[in-house]
């Protein structure tokens, strides 16, 4: 595998440990609308998707969530992440290695930029990424479609084949693969869908300290 020329990080579950808090609240919101879903099901089936795509999926199954569902979700974010947001273990080691190798990098997330500022800010990571944040709100289709990763690579000035994606969700891994990029799929979380990540084309790794070697920068 050739060393990449651009590294594209997902945010939630790759840079910041937000998935537990986020999915706990999402299950409550969906349950209030009558949609039957467990925390485990949300982690497996909705993780990595933009909230507008979650809304479309649930409503397609016959559960109307209301026109303001996405707005209510984002209004709740400061409260959801008031406490308990931490950086993914050893992600600072990865960022330092990428910087030392002089590799350009950016973030491409299903979340709005405002949410990324909150979560990355609370973990002290925002200083690394504040000028290179790309959101699914910037493209027509979010993950699992490739639009966001293609947009991020184009904005950074690279061809898809020159980029690698660091993901943790099946939707994001599917999107990166569809964009023609190699995807390194982090599965260090106990809820990681290893089979789904593999089927989506991800190259699995379970410890961030292993990533620099996979990127051929260690």
Protein backbone atom coordinates (compact mmCIF):
# COMPACT_ATOMS: atom_id res chain seq x y z
CA UNK A 1 0.00 0.00 0.00
CA UNK A 2 1.33 3.39 -0.98
CA UNK A 3 1.62 6.18 1.55
CA UNK A 4 -1.37 8.53 1.17
CA UNK A 5 -1.13 12.20 0.27
CA UNK A 6 -4.23 13.24 2.24
CA UNK A 7 -5.78 11.88 5.44
CA UNK A 8 -9.51 12.45 5.97
CA UNK A 9 -10.74 11.85 9.51
CA UNK A 10 -14.31 11.20 10.50
CA UNK A 11 -15.14 13.04 13.74
CA UNK A 12 -17.51 11.13 16.03
CA UNK A 13 -16.01 7.81 17.07
CA UNK A 14 -12.66 8.57 15.42
CA UNK A 15 -11.54 11.84 17.01
CA UNK A 16 -14.04 12.20 19.84
CA UNK A 17 -15.87 9.60 21.91
CA UNK A 18 -19.43 10.87 21.47
CA UNK A 19 -21.29 7.87 20.11
CA UNK A 20 -22.58 6.58 23.45
CA UNK A 21 -23.99 9.92 24.60
CA UNK A 22 -25.38 10.73 21.16
CA UNK A 23 -27.08 7.41 20.60
CA UNK A 24 -28.57 7.32 24.09
CA UNK A 25 -30.26 10.64 23.38
CA UNK A 26 -31.27 9.62 19.87
CA UNK A 27 -32.99 6.50 21.20
CA UNK A 28 -34.96 8.70 23.62
CA UNK A 29 -36.00 11.09 20.85
CA UNK A 30 -37.05 8.29 18.51
CA UNK A 31 -38.85 6.46 21.30
CA UNK A 32 -40.84 9.60 22.09
CA UNK A 33 -42.14 9.44 18.51
CA UNK A 34 -43.09 5.79 18.87
CA UNK A 35 -40.17 4.33 16.93
CA UNK A 36 -39.04 1.10 18.62
CA UNK A 37 -35.25 0.94 18.72
CA UNK A 38 -32.64 -0.13 21.25
CA UNK A 39 -29.28 1.49 21.92
CA UNK A 40 -27.52 -1.46 20.30
CA UNK A 41 -29.71 -1.21 17.19
CA UNK A 42 -29.07 2.52 16.91
CA UNK A 43 -25.32 1.99 17.16
CA UNK A 44 -25.40 -0.67 14.46
CA UNK A 45 -27.94 0.74 12.01
CA UNK A 46 -27.86 4.55 12.36
CA UNK A 47 -24.28 5.30 13.35
CA UNK A 48 -22.43 7.61 10.96
CA UNK A 49 -25.53 8.84 9.11
CA UNK A 50 -26.48 12.53 8.92
CA UNK A 51 -29.49 13.25 11.09
CA UNK A 52 -31.56 14.20 8.05
CA UNK A 53 -30.88 10.71 6.65
CA UNK A 54 -31.90 9.14 9.97
CA UNK A 55 -35.15 11.09 9.77
CA UNK A 56 -35.79 9.90 6.21
CA UNK A 57 -35.08 6.28 7.14
CA UNK A 58 -37.38 6.28 10.17
CA UNK A 59 -40.19 8.08 8.39
CA UNK A 60 -39.93 5.68 5.46
CA UNK A 61 -40.77 2.95 7.96
CA UNK A 62 -43.96 4.77 8.89
CA UNK A 63 -42.96 6.80 11.94
CA UNK A 64 -43.36 10.57 11.39
CA UNK A 65 -40.85 12.54 13.44
CA UNK A 66 -42.03 16.06 12.67
CA UNK A 67 -40.52 18.76 10.49
CA UNK A 68 -38.47 20.08 13.40
CA UNK A 69 -36.80 16.77 14.32
CA UNK A 70 -33.36 17.67 12.96
CA UNK A 71 -33.54 21.15 14.45
CA UNK A 72 -34.49 19.72 17.85
CA UNK A 73 -31.55 17.34 17.65
CA UNK A 74 -29.07 20.11 17.04
CA UNK A 75 -30.65 22.34 19.68
CA UNK A 76 -30.04 19.56 22.22
CA UNK A 77 -26.36 19.06 21.35
CA UNK A 78 -24.89 21.53 23.88
CA UNK A 79 -26.80 19.69 26.62
CA UNK A 80 -26.00 16.18 25.33
CA UNK A 81 -22.28 16.91 25.31
CA UNK A 82 -22.10 19.21 28.33
CA UNK A 83 -20.15 16.54 30.18
CA UNK A 84 -18.47 13.28 29.28
CA UNK A 85 -16.95 14.03 25.87
CA UNK A 86 -13.42 12.69 25.63
CA UNK A 87 -10.89 12.26 22.86
CA UNK A 88 -10.56 8.77 21.38
CA UNK A 89 -7.63 7.05 23.15
CA UNK A 90 -4.27 7.83 21.50
CA UNK A 91 -5.74 10.03 18.74
CA UNK A 92 -3.27 12.78 19.69
CA UNK A 93 -0.47 10.31 18.90
CA UNK A 94 -1.97 9.82 15.43
CA UNK A 95 -2.36 13.54 14.80
CA UNK A 96 1.24 14.17 15.89
CA UNK A 97 2.50 11.45 13.54
CA UNK A 98 0.48 12.85 10.63
CA UNK A 99 1.81 16.34 11.29
CA UNK A 100 5.39 15.09 11.66
CA UNK A 101 5.05 13.36 8.28
CA UNK A 102 3.81 16.66 6.80
CA UNK A 103 0.66 14.96 5.51
CA UNK A 104 -2.30 17.26 4.83
CA UNK A 105 -5.40 16.27 6.78
CA UNK A 106 -8.99 17.32 7.35
CA UNK A 107 -12.27 16.22 8.93
CA UNK A 108 -15.35 15.05 7.01
CA UNK A 109 -18.28 14.40 9.30
CA UNK A 110 -22.03 13.84 9.11
CA UNK A 111 -22.31 16.42 11.89
CA UNK A 112 -22.79 20.14 11.39
CA UNK A 113 -19.66 22.27 11.76
CA UNK A 114 -21.16 23.86 14.88
CA UNK A 115 -21.38 20.45 16.55
CA UNK A 116 -17.78 19.65 15.63
CA UNK A 117 -16.67 22.90 17.27
CA UNK A 118 -18.46 21.85 20.46
CA UNK A 119 -17.11 18.29 20.67
CA UNK A 120 -13.62 19.01 19.36
CA UNK A 121 -13.52 22.08 21.57
CA UNK A 122 -14.38 20.16 24.72
CA UNK A 123 -11.59 17.66 24.02
CA UNK A 124 -8.99 20.27 23.12
CA UNK A 125 -8.66 18.99 19.56
CA UNK A 126 -10.24 21.89 17.70
CA UNK A 127 -6.92 23.68 17.27
CA UNK A 128 -5.78 20.96 14.89
CA UNK A 129 -8.83 21.14 12.64
CA UNK A 130 -10.67 24.44 12.82
CA UNK A 131 -9.86 25.46 9.25
CA UNK A 132 -10.41 22.05 7.66
CA UNK A 133 -13.89 20.95 8.79
CA UNK A 134 -16.27 19.56 6.16
CA UNK A 135 -19.86 18.64 6.96
CA UNK A 136 -22.55 16.57 5.25
CA UNK A 137 -24.60 19.78 5.27
CA UNK A 138 -22.28 21.00 2.49
CA UNK A 139 -23.30 18.26 0.02
CA UNK A 140 -26.51 16.89 -1.45
CA UNK A 141 -26.15 13.41 0.00
CA UNK A 142 -24.51 12.34 3.23
CA UNK A 143 -22.93 9.02 4.16
CA UNK A 144 -23.24 6.22 2.97
CA UNK A 145 -22.97 8.15 -0.32
CA UNK A 146 -19.47 9.31 -1.35
CA UNK A 147 -20.34 12.99 -1.83
CA UNK A 148 -18.82 14.32 1.40
CA UNK A 149 -15.46 12.60 1.01
CA UNK A 150 -15.24 13.65 -2.63
CA UNK A 151 -16.05 17.22 -1.60
CA UNK A 152 -13.40 17.22 1.14
CA UNK A 153 -10.70 15.85 -1.16
CA UNK A 154 -11.56 18.40 -3.85
CA UNK A 155 -11.49 21.29 -1.39
CA UNK A 156 -8.13 20.11 -0.08
CA UNK A 157 -6.80 19.86 -3.65
CA UNK A 158 -6.39 16.10 -4.03
CA UNK A 159 -7.76 13.31 -6.19
CA UNK A 160 -9.78 10.58 -4.43
CA UNK A 161 -7.09 8.01 -5.15
CA UNK A 162 -4.59 10.11 -3.20
CA UNK A 163 -6.68 10.14 -0.03
CA UNK A 164 -7.38 7.71 2.78
CA UNK A 165 -10.32 7.86 5.16
CA UNK A 166 -10.31 7.05 8.87
CA UNK A 167 -13.78 5.85 9.85
CA UNK A 168 -15.59 3.87 12.52
CA UNK A 169 -19.08 3.43 11.05
CA UNK A 170 -20.39 1.16 8.33
CA UNK A 171 -22.09 4.12 6.62
CA UNK A 172 -18.85 6.11 6.58
CA UNK A 173 -16.77 3.15 5.45
CA UNK A 174 -19.24 2.50 2.64
CA UNK A 175 -19.01 6.17 1.64
CA UNK A 176 -15.22 6.20 1.62
CA UNK A 177 -15.01 3.03 -0.42
CA UNK A 178 -17.57 4.39 -2.88
CA UNK A 179 -15.43 7.52 -3.22
CA UNK A 180 -12.54 5.36 -4.41
CA UNK A 181 -10.50 5.85 -1.24
CA UNK A 182 -8.83 3.36 1.05
CA UNK A 183 -10.68 3.26 4.36
CA UNK A 184 -9.07 2.35 7.66
CA UNK A 185 -11.95 1.35 9.94
CA UNK A 186 -11.40 1.81 13.66
CA UNK A 187 -13.07 -0.97 15.65
CA UNK A 188 -11.71 -0.31 19.12
CA UNK A 189 -15.19 0.41 20.47
CA UNK A 190 -17.04 -2.54 22.02
CA UNK A 191 -20.07 -1.79 19.85
CA UNK A 192 -18.10 -1.75 16.59
CA UNK A 193 -19.74 -3.75 13.80
CA UNK A 194 -16.63 -5.60 12.66
CA UNK A 195 -18.45 -7.75 10.13
CA UNK A 196 -20.24 -4.72 8.69
CA UNK A 197 -17.04 -2.71 8.48
CA UNK A 198 -15.27 -5.55 6.71
CA UNK A 199 -18.15 -6.06 4.28
CA UNK A 200 -18.09 -2.31 3.51
CA UNK A 201 -14.46 -2.58 2.46
CA UNK A 202 -12.75 -1.28 5.57
CA UNK A 203 -9.22 -2.20 6.66
CA UNK A 204 -9.83 -2.91 10.34
CA UNK A 205 -7.64 -1.80 13.26
CA UNK A 206 -8.49 -1.73 16.95
CA UNK A 207 -5.92 0.64 18.46
CA UNK A 208 -5.08 4.14 17.25
CA UNK A 209 -1.43 3.51 17.98
CA UNK A 210 -1.42 1.06 15.06
CA UNK A 211 -2.63 3.63 12.55
CA UNK A 212 0.63 5.48 11.76
CA UNK A 213 2.21 2.19 10.65
CA UNK A 214 -0.82 1.44 8.47
CA UNK A 215 -0.39 4.88 6.90
CA UNK A 216 3.33 4.14 6.41
CA UNK A 217 4.39 7.17 8.42
CA UNK A 218 5.85 5.32 11.41
